Amino acid sequence: MELAVLFGVCLLISGVAIRLGVAVASRLGVVDRPGGHKQHDTGTPFVGGIGIMAVILTAFPFVDWWFRGATLMPLSAILFGALAIFVAGLADDIWHLGFKPRFVVQAVVALSMVVLGGVELRSLGELLPGITVELGWLAIPVTIFATMGLINAVNMIDGIDGLSGSVSLVSLALVALVAHRSNHLADVFFIVAMMGAVVGFLFYNLRYPGNSRARVFLGDNGSMLLGFVFAWLFIALSQGSEAAMTPTTALWLFALPLMDTVGVMIRRVWLGKSPFRADRHHLHHLFVRAGFRVGDIVAIAVMVQAAFALFGIGGFLLGVPEYLMFWLFLVVFAVYTLIIARPWRLVPWLRQINRSLGLPSVQVRGIFVGFVRRDQFRDLLGIISNGLRSGYDYQISVYQTDRSSPDGRNTYCVVHIPINGDEQMIGTVHRDTLRVRRRLARQPGVEVRLFLCRHNQHDLRSIYASSLGIRGGGQYVDRRHMRSTLIYSLERGEAISDSGIGFEISVPPA
């Protein structure tokens, strides 16, 4: 009950603090403007860290008072580190400081963990059979390096709405279970407080019915602050005689952000670029290019991170040798890096996964229905119109191709729908597609599917066409290209009539 109350109070504190931050964000310039490699199209406040900082300032002293003599860390150390990293992140959000000043602040904060808090990575655990790697004089530099790595891992995975917060929430929940099992109650209270802070942020950042896009972003102030919290918890809980877990278990508990960050940096160095230069080759960016909706990407990332973390915890609880878990992690990381290093192969493969899972794609522009004989298309229009029950606008276009099957099927329909990036609309169109498909299930040879408009990037067929010097206004040319004539057009609300239009256009089927 105490944990539930603490979670609720911290959620409320975070939500109210973020709401107040939104009110002053424009005056301070803490707003993320569209442009560059960013995907959003409206200005969004960078105030997610305000909610997390507010919880630390209010809830942490309570935890420190509640567990007198058994606190998880000195109050002064955590407050200094949190405030320093938050202010540095906020300054970067406003003035775009670059990675060098950020790294200096991160190193100072990591050093304060050691000097003021006594949190130090002294041992890496049993990385080889019978060999425990003790760091000795390397403890401080390795602690600084590891802390900076975790801080930037959270920062770099913060690329789409709800992703960093959701993945962080999963890791926090599982770290709380590990800490509770080892009777680190003060740590559990603090972690639960952080979970409340993250959920308060996700209320504004996660996409759900009624919230079609993020109203606030985590920003560098929030992502760096979360990374600092993770660094402190992972190091503190994996060291000493009363450690709640091994250092290798900590790797599995934050596997996805770590592997994505290091894998992308290795790819940049391999291509001769700066490892700190922002690009759109993180795993979530590749999912976006493959047509996955943001909500689906977040759900998949949460499941993958949960699977990694549970695997690591399971190995720890079952007594699997630490060195075996460590080398398994390296193998998984190597495979992951090889996969994301070849986006031209990964993106088409992800598209196939999207289709096989039956998920709607962000590249949806309508519904394709075909092929039938020309004398059947009017009956087909009636079935399609009755199947589109949702109250959106649409236009149905009927085309006749210059090719046909032996039974004369050379006519198809495309229902053009103004999606405008609305993921809830995409889901609605997907459901209507299934409804139309069921209505036409008894019509042999009639295909009903989502009509997609794809970008050429990472499309193997367009890459092949480009290698042959073929260009066509953004369209690829292949053996399926055909000439089609528009023979009929119908908008929502219009009655099916005998009038039609018939001019030639050249389109490839989606």
Protein backbone atom coordinates (compact mmCIF):
# COMPACT_ATOMS: atom_id res chain seq x y z
CA MET A 1 0.00 0.00 0.00
CA GLU A 2 2.83 2.40 0.85
CA LEU A 3 4.42 1.81 -2.54
CA ALA A 4 1.10 2.38 -4.32
CA VAL A 5 0.58 5.67 -2.48
CA LEU A 6 4.14 6.75 -3.21
CA PHE A 7 3.70 5.89 -6.90
CA GLY A 8 0.44 7.85 -7.13
CA VAL A 9 1.82 10.91 -5.33
CA CYS A 10 4.94 11.01 -7.52
CA LEU A 11 2.84 10.56 -10.66
CA LEU A 12 0.75 13.56 -9.61
CA ILE A 13 3.83 15.65 -8.77
CA SER A 14 5.39 14.85 -12.13
CA GLY A 15 2.21 15.57 -14.09
CA VAL A 16 1.58 18.91 -12.37
CA ALA A 17 5.22 20.00 -12.72
CA ILE A 18 5.24 19.19 -16.43
CA ARG A 19 1.96 21.04 -16.94
CA LEU A 20 3.44 24.12 -15.26
CA GLY A 21 6.57 23.71 -17.36
CA VAL A 22 4.53 23.74 -20.55
CA ALA A 23 3.07 27.09 -19.53
CA VAL A 24 6.50 28.76 -19.38
CA ALA A 25 8.36 26.73 -22.03
CA SER A 26 7.76 29.17 -24.88
CA ARG A 27 9.00 32.13 -22.84
CA LEU A 28 12.23 30.32 -22.00
CA GLY A 29 12.71 28.92 -25.50
CA VAL A 30 12.54 25.31 -24.30
CA VAL A 31 10.69 24.18 -27.41
CA ASP A 32 11.76 21.66 -30.02
CA ARG A 33 11.23 23.13 -33.48
CA PRO A 34 10.64 20.91 -36.53
CA GLY A 35 13.42 20.46 -39.05
CA GLY A 36 16.59 18.52 -39.77
CA HIS A 37 16.40 14.84 -38.88
CA LYS A 38 13.38 15.39 -36.59
CA GLN A 39 10.08 13.77 -37.48
CA HIS A 40 7.53 15.96 -35.70
CA ASP A 41 5.89 18.86 -37.53
CA THR A 42 4.91 21.15 -34.64
CA GLY A 43 6.82 22.90 -31.88
CA THR A 44 6.86 20.75 -28.72
CA PRO A 45 8.09 21.78 -25.23
CA PHE A 46 11.20 20.08 -23.81
CA VAL A 47 9.87 19.82 -20.25
CA GLY A 48 9.75 16.10 -19.49
CA GLY A 49 12.76 16.39 -17.19
CA ILE A 50 10.97 18.96 -15.04
CA GLY A 51 8.57 16.29 -13.81
CA ILE A 52 11.40 13.87 -12.97
CA MET A 53 13.42 16.59 -11.25
CA ALA A 54 10.38 17.67 -9.24
CA VAL A 55 9.93 14.11 -7.96
CA ILE A 56 13.60 13.87 -6.97
CA LEU A 57 13.42 17.16 -5.09
CA THR A 58 10.25 16.20 -3.21
CA ALA A 59 10.16 12.42 -2.92
CA PHE A 60 13.82 11.65 -2.33
CA PRO A 61 14.13 13.59 0.95
CA PHE A 62 11.06 11.66 2.14
CA VAL A 63 12.72 8.35 1.29
CA ASP A 64 15.90 9.51 3.02
CA TRP A 65 13.91 10.41 6.15
CA TRP A 66 11.84 7.19 6.10
CA PHE A 67 14.90 4.93 5.94
CA ARG A 68 17.18 6.60 8.47
CA GLY A 69 20.55 4.91 8.50
CA ALA A 70 19.66 2.65 5.57
CA THR A 71 19.40 5.13 2.73
CA LEU A 72 20.47 4.09 -0.73
CA MET A 73 22.73 7.10 -1.22
CA PRO A 74 23.76 10.37 0.45
CA LEU A 75 21.14 13.02 -0.17
CA SER A 76 23.66 15.71 -1.10
CA ALA A 77 25.29 13.53 -3.74
CA ILE A 78 22.12 12.61 -5.62
CA LEU A 79 20.75 16.15 -5.45
CA PHE A 80 24.01 17.65 -6.75
CA GLY A 81 24.29 15.15 -9.58
CA ALA A 82 20.64 15.40 -10.57
CA LEU A 83 20.57 19.20 -10.53
CA ALA A 84 23.83 19.50 -12.46
CA ILE A 85 22.82 17.07 -15.19
CA PHE A 86 19.32 18.58 -15.42
CA VAL A 87 20.59 22.15 -15.77
CA ALA A 88 23.18 21.07 -18.36
CA GLY A 89 20.52 19.26 -20.36
CA LEU A 90 18.16 22.23 -20.15
CA ALA A 91 20.91 24.56 -21.36
CA ASP A 92 21.60 22.23 -24.27
CA ASP A 93 17.89 22.16 -25.15
CA ILE A 94 17.87 25.97 -25.28
CA TRP A 95 21.28 26.84 -26.73
CA HIS A 96 22.36 23.56 -28.41
CA LEU A 97 25.72 23.36 -26.67
CA GLY A 98 27.11 20.39 -28.58
CA PHE A 99 28.49 17.14 -27.25
CA LYS A 100 31.76 18.43 -25.75
CA PRO A 101 30.26 20.64 -23.00
CA ARG A 102 27.73 17.90 -22.26
CA PHE A 103 30.50 15.34 -21.86
CA VAL A 104 32.36 17.62 -19.44
CA VAL A 105 29.29 17.99 -17.23
CA GLN A 106 28.55 14.27 -17.42
CA ALA A 107 32.12 13.45 -16.36
CA VAL A 108 31.92 15.86 -13.41
CA VAL A 109 28.59 14.38 -12.32
CA ALA A 110 29.99 10.85 -12.60
CA LEU A 111 32.98 11.89 -10.50
CA SER A 112 30.62 13.32 -7.87
CA MET A 113 28.98 9.88 -7.66
CA VAL A 114 32.30 8.45 -6.56
CA VAL A 115 33.52 11.28 -4.33
CA LEU A 116 30.27 12.39 -2.67
CA GLY A 117 28.15 9.27 -2.96
CA GLY A 118 30.68 6.46 -2.71
CA VAL A 119 29.08 4.78 -5.75
CA GLU A 120 31.97 3.23 -7.67
CA LEU A 121 32.32 0.43 -10.20
CA ARG A 122 35.04 -1.59 -8.47
CA SER A 123 34.37 -4.99 -10.06
CA LEU A 124 33.11 -6.16 -13.44
CA GLY A 125 32.33 -9.61 -12.09
CA GLU A 126 33.42 -13.05 -13.27
CA LEU A 127 33.95 -12.41 -16.98
CA LEU A 128 36.03 -15.58 -17.47
CA PRO A 129 35.71 -18.91 -15.66
CA GLY A 130 37.24 -18.48 -12.23
CA ILE A 131 38.49 -14.95 -13.02
CA THR A 132 36.81 -11.97 -11.37
CA VAL A 133 37.87 -8.68 -12.93
CA GLU A 134 38.69 -6.20 -10.17
CA LEU A 135 39.34 -2.69 -11.48
CA GLY A 136 41.59 -1.34 -8.76
CA TRP A 137 42.96 2.08 -9.76
CA LEU A 138 40.84 1.94 -12.94
CA ALA A 139 37.63 2.02 -10.91
CA ILE A 140 37.12 5.78 -11.12
CA PRO A 141 37.76 6.22 -14.88
CA VAL A 142 35.65 3.15 -15.70
CA THR A 143 32.85 4.47 -13.46
CA ILE A 144 32.95 7.79 -15.30
CA PHE A 145 32.94 6.04 -18.69
CA ALA A 146 30.06 3.73 -17.74
CA THR A 147 28.00 6.58 -16.31
CA MET A 148 28.47 8.68 -19.44
CA GLY A 149 27.53 5.68 -21.55
CA LEU A 150 24.26 5.11 -19.71
CA ILE A 151 23.38 8.81 -19.77
CA ASN A 152 23.85 8.98 -23.54
CA ALA A 153 22.10 5.66 -24.13
CA VAL A 154 18.85 7.09 -22.77
CA ASN A 155 19.45 10.31 -24.68
CA MET A 156 19.99 8.57 -28.02
CA ILE A 157 17.02 6.23 -27.79
CA ASP A 158 14.74 9.24 -27.22
CA GLY A 159 13.72 9.44 -30.89
CA ILE A 160 9.97 8.86 -31.14
CA ASP A 161 6.97 9.54 -28.92
CA GLY A 162 6.83 7.33 -25.84
CA LEU A 163 9.90 5.21 -26.62
CA SER A 164 12.49 6.29 -24.05
CA GLY A 165 9.92 6.65 -21.28
CA SER A 166 8.31 3.25 -21.93
CA VAL A 167 11.63 1.38 -22.17
CA SER A 168 12.87 3.15 -19.03
CA LEU A 169 9.68 2.23 -17.17
CA VAL A 170 10.17 -1.46 -18.00
CA SER A 171 13.76 -1.37 -16.77
CA LEU A 172 12.83 0.49 -13.59
CA ALA A 173 10.08 -2.01 -12.79
CA LEU A 174 12.40 -4.99 -13.17
CA VAL A 175 15.21 -3.29 -11.24
CA ALA A 176 12.70 -2.73 -8.44
CA LEU A 177 11.92 -6.47 -8.40
CA VAL A 178 15.62 -7.31 -8.16
CA ALA A 179 16.15 -4.76 -5.37
CA HIS A 180 13.08 -6.00 -3.47
CA ARG A 181 14.28 -9.59 -3.65
CA SER A 182 17.54 -8.53 -1.99
CA ASN A 183 15.72 -6.49 0.65
CA HIS A 184 17.08 -3.15 -0.60
CA LEU A 185 13.88 -1.43 0.50
CA ALA A 186 15.18 2.13 0.30
CA ASP A 187 16.20 1.51 -3.30
CA VAL A 188 12.75 0.06 -4.03
CA PHE A 189 11.06 3.20 -2.67
CA PHE A 190 13.26 5.45 -4.77
CA ILE A 191 12.73 3.36 -7.91
CA VAL A 192 8.96 3.37 -7.41
CA ALA A 193 9.11 7.16 -7.06
CA MET A 194 10.99 7.33 -10.37
CA MET A 195 8.40 5.07 -11.97
CA GLY A 196 5.69 7.49 -10.89
CA ALA A 197 7.68 10.36 -12.40
CA VAL A 198 8.08 8.51 -15.70
CA VAL A 199 4.38 7.60 -15.90
CA GLY A 200 3.50 11.24 -15.26
CA PHE A 201 5.68 12.16 -18.23
CA LEU A 202 4.23 9.39 -20.43
CA PHE A 203 0.75 10.82 -19.86
CA TYR A 204 1.85 13.73 -22.05
CA ASN A 205 4.32 11.93 -24.29
CA LEU A 206 2.79 8.55 -25.13
CA ARG A 207 0.32 8.20 -28.01
CA TYR A 208 -3.06 6.81 -27.03
CA PRO A 209 -6.74 7.45 -27.91
CA GLY A 210 -7.29 11.16 -27.34
CA ASN A 211 -3.57 11.96 -27.55
CA SER A 212 -2.54 11.54 -31.20
CA ARG A 213 0.94 13.01 -30.74
CA ALA A 214 3.33 13.91 -27.94
CA ARG A 215 2.45 17.13 -26.13
CA VAL A 216 5.88 17.31 -24.47
CA PHE A 217 9.30 15.79 -25.11
CA LEU A 218 11.76 14.45 -22.59
CA GLY A 219 14.53 16.64 -23.97
CA ASP A 220 18.19 16.41 -23.01
CA ASN A 221 17.25 17.68 -19.55
CA GLY A 222 15.03 14.64 -18.98
CA SER A 223 16.90 11.94 -20.88
CA MET A 224 20.26 12.80 -19.29
CA LEU A 225 18.62 12.91 -15.86
CA LEU A 226 17.05 9.48 -16.36
CA GLY A 227 20.38 8.11 -17.59
CA PHE A 228 22.08 9.44 -14.46
CA VAL A 229 19.48 7.73 -12.26
CA PHE A 230 20.02 4.43 -14.10
CA ALA A 231 23.81 4.73 -13.80
CA TRP A 232 23.60 5.29 -10.07
CA LEU A 233 21.16 2.43 -9.49
CA PHE A 234 22.96 -0.11 -11.67
CA ILE A 235 26.36 0.60 -10.14
CA ALA A 236 25.10 0.83 -6.55
CA LEU A 237 23.06 -2.38 -6.78
CA SER A 238 25.77 -4.44 -8.51
CA GLN A 239 28.71 -3.68 -6.21
CA GLY A 240 29.74 -4.70 -2.72
CA SER A 241 29.13 -7.70 -0.50
CA GLU A 242 25.36 -7.08 -0.41
CA ALA A 243 24.92 -6.53 -4.15
CA ALA A 244 21.41 -7.15 -5.45
CA MET A 245 22.69 -8.32 -8.85
CA THR A 246 25.81 -8.85 -10.87
CA PRO A 247 27.26 -6.23 -13.25
CA THR A 248 26.34 -8.52 -16.17
CA THR A 249 22.71 -8.60 -15.01
CA ALA A 250 22.73 -4.80 -15.19
CA LEU A 251 23.73 -5.05 -18.86
CA TRP A 252 20.70 -7.21 -19.62
CA LEU A 253 18.41 -4.90 -17.65
CA PHE A 254 19.25 -2.06 -20.06
CA ALA A 255 20.21 -4.10 -23.10
CA LEU A 256 18.19 -2.45 -25.88
CA PRO A 257 19.31 1.19 -25.30
CA LEU A 258 22.92 0.09 -24.78
CA MET A 259 23.10 -2.09 -27.88
CA ASP A 260 21.33 0.47 -30.04
CA THR A 261 23.60 3.32 -28.93
CA VAL A 262 26.90 1.46 -29.26
CA GLY A 263 25.82 -0.28 -32.48
CA VAL A 264 24.90 3.00 -34.18
CA MET A 265 28.17 4.63 -33.06
CA ILE A 266 30.19 1.70 -34.43
CA ARG A 267 28.35 2.02 -37.75
CA ARG A 268 29.13 5.75 -37.91
CA VAL A 269 32.83 5.14 -37.28
CA TRP A 270 32.83 2.36 -39.87
CA LEU A 271 31.40 4.83 -42.42
CA GLY A 272 34.07 7.39 -41.54
CA LYS A 273 31.71 9.73 -39.68
CA SER A 274 31.81 11.19 -36.19
CA PRO A 275 30.23 8.77 -33.68
CA PHE A 276 28.46 11.77 -32.12
CA ARG A 277 26.87 13.06 -35.32
CA ALA A 278 23.09 12.64 -35.19
CA ASP A 279 21.45 10.58 -37.91
CA ARG A 280 18.33 8.48 -38.48
CA HIS A 281 19.80 5.00 -38.36
CA HIS A 282 18.72 3.98 -34.89
CA LEU A 283 16.54 0.90 -34.78
CA HIS A 284 13.37 2.90 -34.17
CA HIS A 285 14.13 5.07 -37.22
CA LEU A 286 14.43 1.95 -39.38
CA PHE A 287 11.10 0.71 -38.05
CA VAL A 288 9.56 4.04 -39.04
CA ARG A 289 10.97 3.73 -42.57
CA ALA A 290 9.53 0.25 -42.80
CA GLY A 291 6.06 1.70 -42.19
CA PHE A 292 5.47 0.75 -38.55
CA ARG A 293 3.25 3.06 -36.54
CA VAL A 294 4.88 4.80 -33.58
CA GLY A 295 2.62 2.98 -31.12
CA ASP A 296 3.57 -0.39 -32.62
CA ILE A 297 7.28 0.47 -32.49
CA VAL A 298 7.01 1.39 -28.81
CA ALA A 299 5.13 -1.84 -28.04
CA ILE A 300 7.74 -3.95 -29.86
CA ALA A 301 10.62 -2.13 -28.13
CA VAL A 302 9.00 -2.65 -24.72
CA MET A 303 8.56 -6.37 -25.39
CA VAL A 304 12.14 -6.75 -26.64
CA GLN A 305 13.56 -4.87 -23.66
CA ALA A 306 11.40 -6.87 -21.25
CA ALA A 307 12.58 -10.12 -22.88
CA PHE A 308 16.23 -9.11 -22.56
CA ALA A 309 15.80 -8.00 -18.94
CA LEU A 310 13.86 -11.10 -17.92
CA PHE A 311 16.46 -13.29 -19.58
CA GLY A 312 19.20 -11.57 -17.60
CA ILE A 313 17.27 -11.80 -14.33
CA GLY A 314 16.39 -15.43 -15.04
CA GLY A 315 20.03 -16.32 -15.61
CA PHE A 316 20.98 -14.58 -12.37
CA LEU A 317 18.30 -16.30 -10.29
CA LEU A 318 18.97 -19.72 -11.80
CA GLY A 319 22.66 -19.43 -11.04
CA VAL A 320 23.87 -19.42 -14.64
CA PRO A 321 27.61 -18.63 -14.57
CA GLU A 322 28.18 -14.90 -14.88
CA TYR A 323 30.81 -15.29 -17.58
CA LEU A 324 28.35 -17.27 -19.72
CA MET A 325 25.71 -14.55 -19.40
CA PHE A 326 28.33 -11.94 -20.28
CA TRP A 327 29.52 -13.67 -23.43
CA LEU A 328 25.93 -14.38 -24.47
CA PHE A 329 25.30 -10.65 -24.18
CA LEU A 330 28.29 -9.93 -26.42
CA VAL A 331 27.03 -12.44 -29.01
CA VAL A 332 23.56 -10.86 -29.03
CA PHE A 333 25.14 -7.42 -29.31
CA ALA A 334 27.31 -8.51 -32.25
CA VAL A 335 24.29 -9.93 -34.09
CA TYR A 336 22.30 -6.77 -33.38
CA THR A 337 25.11 -4.55 -34.71
CA LEU A 338 25.43 -6.59 -37.91
CA ILE A 339 21.69 -6.35 -38.50
CA ILE A 340 21.33 -2.58 -38.08
CA ALA A 341 24.53 -1.95 -40.05
CA ARG A 342 22.69 -2.93 -43.26
CA PRO A 343 19.47 -0.89 -43.34
CA TRP A 344 18.93 -1.64 -47.05
CA ARG A 345 18.40 -5.26 -46.04
CA LEU A 346 16.75 -4.70 -42.68
CA VAL A 347 14.00 -2.29 -43.79
CA PRO A 348 12.47 -4.58 -46.46
CA TRP A 349 12.62 -7.44 -43.96
CA LEU A 350 10.82 -5.29 -41.38
CA ARG A 351 8.16 -4.48 -43.98
CA GLN A 352 7.55 -8.19 -44.43
CA ILE A 353 7.24 -8.60 -40.66
CA ASN A 354 4.76 -5.74 -40.56
CA ARG A 355 2.62 -7.44 -43.19
CA SER A 356 2.91 -10.88 -41.60
CA LEU A 357 1.78 -9.48 -38.24
CA GLY A 358 -1.20 -7.83 -39.93
CA LEU A 359 -0.24 -4.39 -38.62
CA PRO A 360 -1.38 -1.26 -40.46
CA SER A 361 1.40 0.82 -42.02
CA VAL A 362 2.00 4.56 -41.77
CA GLN A 363 2.43 4.44 -45.54
CA VAL A 364 -1.30 3.72 -45.90
CA ARG A 365 -3.08 6.04 -48.30
CA GLY A 366 -6.26 4.04 -48.82
CA ILE A 367 -7.60 0.64 -49.83
CA PHE A 368 -6.90 -1.38 -52.96
CA VAL A 369 -9.58 -3.75 -54.34
CA GLY A 370 -9.05 -5.78 -57.51
CA PHE A 371 -9.16 -7.30 -59.98
CA VAL A 372 -12.62 -7.80 -61.54
CA ARG A 373 -14.20 -7.63 -64.97
CA ARG A 374 -15.27 -4.17 -66.08
CA ASP A 375 -18.97 -5.06 -65.99
CA GLN A 376 -18.64 -5.99 -62.29
CA PHE A 377 -17.13 -2.81 -60.92
CA ARG A 378 -20.44 -1.04 -60.18
CA ASP A 379 -21.53 -3.88 -57.90
CA LEU A 380 -18.06 -3.72 -56.36
CA LEU A 381 -18.51 -0.01 -55.59
CA GLY A 382 -21.68 -0.73 -53.64
CA ILE A 383 -19.96 -3.36 -51.52
CA ILE A 384 -17.00 -1.06 -50.84
CA SER A 385 -19.19 1.93 -49.94
CA ASN A 386 -21.24 -0.16 -47.49
CA GLY A 387 -18.06 -1.54 -45.94
CA LEU A 388 -16.62 1.92 -45.20
CA ARG A 389 -18.63 2.61 -42.09
CA SER A 390 -16.33 5.18 -40.50
CA GLY A 391 -17.17 8.84 -41.00
CA TYR A 392 -14.09 9.97 -42.92
CA ASP A 393 -13.97 11.47 -46.39
CA TYR A 394 -12.77 9.36 -49.28
CA GLN A 395 -12.69 9.14 -53.05
CA ILE A 396 -13.04 5.88 -54.96
CA SER A 397 -11.25 5.70 -58.28
CA VAL A 398 -11.80 2.84 -60.72
CA TYR A 399 -9.01 1.98 -63.18
CA GLN A 400 -8.83 -0.32 -66.18
CA THR A 401 -5.41 -1.72 -67.08
CA ASP A 402 -3.96 -2.61 -70.46
CA ARG A 403 -3.39 -6.15 -69.17
CA SER A 404 -5.91 -8.69 -68.06
CA SER A 405 -6.24 -12.28 -66.97
CA PRO A 406 -7.78 -14.89 -69.31
CA ASP A 407 -11.19 -14.28 -67.72
CA GLY A 408 -11.02 -10.53 -68.43
CA ARG A 409 -10.19 -9.24 -64.94
CA ASN A 410 -8.52 -5.92 -65.72
CA THR A 411 -10.38 -3.45 -63.47
CA TYR A 412 -9.47 -2.40 -59.94
CA CYS A 413 -10.54 0.23 -57.41
CA VAL A 414 -8.48 2.46 -55.15
CA VAL A 415 -10.15 4.15 -52.18
CA HIS A 416 -8.12 7.33 -51.57
CA ILE A 417 -8.35 8.46 -47.92
CA PRO A 418 -6.75 11.62 -46.42
CA ILE A 419 -4.70 10.00 -43.65
CA ASN A 420 -2.47 13.02 -42.88
CA GLY A 421 -0.26 10.99 -40.54
CA ASP A 422 -3.09 10.26 -38.10
CA GLU A 423 -2.25 6.85 -36.62
CA GLN A 424 -5.73 6.41 -35.19
CA MET A 425 -7.12 7.01 -38.68
CA ILE A 426 -4.71 4.38 -40.00
CA GLY A 427 -6.14 1.89 -37.52
CA THR A 428 -9.67 2.80 -38.57
CA VAL A 429 -8.83 2.31 -42.26
CA HIS A 430 -7.24 -1.03 -41.40
CA ARG A 431 -10.44 -2.20 -39.71
CA ASP A 432 -12.54 -1.05 -42.66
CA THR A 433 -10.21 -2.93 -45.00
CA LEU A 434 -10.83 -6.11 -43.04
CA ARG A 435 -14.58 -5.46 -43.20
CA VAL A 436 -14.51 -5.03 -46.98
CA ARG A 437 -12.36 -8.15 -47.29
CA ARG A 438 -14.92 -10.18 -45.35
CA ARG A 439 -17.73 -8.89 -47.58
CA LEU A 440 -15.79 -9.95 -50.68
CA ALA A 441 -14.55 -13.25 -49.26
CA ARG A 442 -16.84 -15.23 -51.58
CA GLN A 443 -15.62 -13.40 -54.66
CA PRO A 444 -12.81 -15.59 -56.08
CA GLY A 445 -9.65 -13.81 -57.17
CA VAL A 446 -10.55 -10.40 -55.66
CA GLU A 447 -7.72 -9.01 -53.53
CA VAL A 448 -8.42 -6.48 -50.78
CA ARG A 449 -5.46 -4.83 -49.08
CA LEU A 450 -4.18 -1.52 -47.81
CA PHE A 451 -3.01 0.86 -50.54
CA LEU A 452 0.51 2.06 -49.67
CA CYS A 453 2.66 4.93 -50.82
CA ARG A 454 6.27 4.01 -50.13
CA HIS A 455 9.45 6.01 -50.14
CA ASN A 456 12.25 4.75 -52.33
CA GLN A 457 14.86 4.77 -49.58
CA HIS A 458 15.84 1.23 -48.56
CA ASP A 459 13.52 -0.29 -51.19
CA LEU A 460 15.53 -2.95 -52.99
CA ARG A 461 13.56 -2.60 -56.22
CA SER A 462 14.12 1.15 -56.39
CA ILE A 463 17.82 0.66 -55.56
CA TYR A 464 18.05 -1.82 -58.43
CA ALA A 465 16.29 0.61 -60.77
CA SER A 466 18.64 3.42 -59.75
CA SER A 467 21.64 1.22 -60.48
CA LEU A 468 20.32 0.85 -64.04
CA GLY A 469 19.93 4.60 -64.38
CA ILE A 470 16.12 4.44 -64.33
CA ARG A 471 14.35 7.45 -62.89
CA GLY A 472 10.68 8.17 -62.88
CA GLY A 473 9.68 11.04 -60.65
CA GLY A 474 10.18 9.10 -57.43
CA GLN A 475 8.65 5.87 -58.76
CA TYR A 476 10.57 2.72 -59.55
CA VAL A 477 10.02 0.87 -62.80
CA ASP A 478 9.78 -2.91 -62.82
CA ARG A 479 8.09 -5.69 -64.75
CA ARG A 480 4.79 -5.05 -62.98
CA HIS A 481 4.48 -1.52 -64.38
CA MET A 482 1.34 -1.10 -66.41
CA ARG A 483 -0.76 1.60 -68.00
CA SER A 484 -4.11 2.28 -66.38
CA THR A 485 -7.06 4.35 -67.46
CA LEU A 486 -9.28 6.09 -64.92
CA ILE A 487 -12.83 5.12 -65.92
CA TYR A 488 -14.87 6.20 -62.90
CA SER A 489 -14.59 8.38 -59.78
CA LEU A 490 -16.88 8.58 -56.77
CA GLU A 491 -16.66 10.67 -53.59
CA ARG A 492 -18.24 9.89 -50.25
CA GLY A 493 -21.94 10.76 -50.26
CA GLU A 494 -22.32 10.60 -54.04
CA ALA A 495 -24.68 8.14 -55.64
CA ILE A 496 -23.30 5.63 -58.12
CA SER A 497 -24.23 6.92 -61.56
CA ASP A 498 -23.67 6.06 -65.18
CA SER A 499 -21.45 9.06 -65.78
CA GLY A 500 -17.69 8.57 -65.82
CA ILE A 501 -14.40 10.04 -66.88
CA GLY A 502 -11.70 8.42 -68.90
CA PHE A 503 -8.25 9.91 -69.26
CA GLU A 504 -5.02 7.91 -69.30
CA ILE A 505 -2.50 7.87 -66.48
CA SER A 506 0.48 5.66 -65.82
CA VAL A 507 0.59 4.09 -62.37
CA PRO A 508 2.15 0.97 -60.89
CA PRO A 509 -0.05 -1.03 -58.53
CA ALA A 510 0.87 -0.47 -54.88
